[in-house]
Amino acid sequence: MRRLALATLVAGCTVAALAQSNLPLPPLLQNGGALSSDWRFVGFPKNQADIPPTRFEPGTVDGEPALKVVTERSYGTWVNGWRGAAPERLQWRWRLDEPLSGGVAPANLLSKAGDDAALKVCVMFDHALDRVPFVERTLLRVARSVSGAPLPAATLCYVWDSVGAASVQGANPYTRRVRFISLQGRDAPLGRWANESRDVARDFATLFADELPQGAQTPRADLPPVNTVLIGADSDNTASRSLGWVADLRWAP
């Protein structure tokens, strides 16, 4: 999506009131099935209010409660300001019932024109600025100054790419401060739950290897603290639509 660089980074700076500190990641839904008050929606800045928000709603699918995620030429994130050292693994279940379709352009995570994702789960980090290349570090400092917010220096996203192949890794075409792995691709079955369990430290070490010190004994030794966890989906670039679900997002030892 065209403005992921700003909107995704801003999402990590607007949840101070919901911040956790090495506590369990709050559930997405309350016991009664309503949306949890520990999470909240973050979209585009007000000067880009012409872009519709992605809808995050409580729902039931196959008889079980889950977070329903619907895009319609839209962008949005569902955000929790969890802070602390990342536990061993991040786990969740997700399913895609309707892939990105009906758009004016094909989705392509590596292209500015097609940078839309039907579903994504992202972790933001307090990555040390001295690890960031000089030009990007300078741009980030300017962005922090203009926005007045401590924009995160590194974001790792796990993506369900309904158009491209699975296992693609890369940087967002607008900013290398956001890097991704597509866990599910165009060949993934629709309307069926997929279970994910990711070693966040290892994935961070893989995607941000160029910004980590040489000779580290383990990926966890150089993993910066987490400052935000979010769920997102967007279809504004391709003017398309999608429908998916997320459940049981949690840290696990």
Foldseek 3Di string as FASTA:
>chain_A
DQPCVPQVLVLLFPAVVLEAEPDKDDFQADPVQFGDPSKDKGFDPPVVVVADAWDWGWDADPRHIFTKTKEFLHKIKIKHFYWYQAFQKKKWKKFWAFAWDPFPDDADQQDSLRNFAAKKKKWFFQADLVLDDPVLSVVQVVVCVVVVTNGTQAMEMETAALAAQAQDWDAGNVDNSYIYGHHHYNPDDHPDMDIDMDRVLVVCCVSSVSRDDPPDPDSSVNGGMTGMIMMIGHDNSGSTMTMMTMGDTIGDD
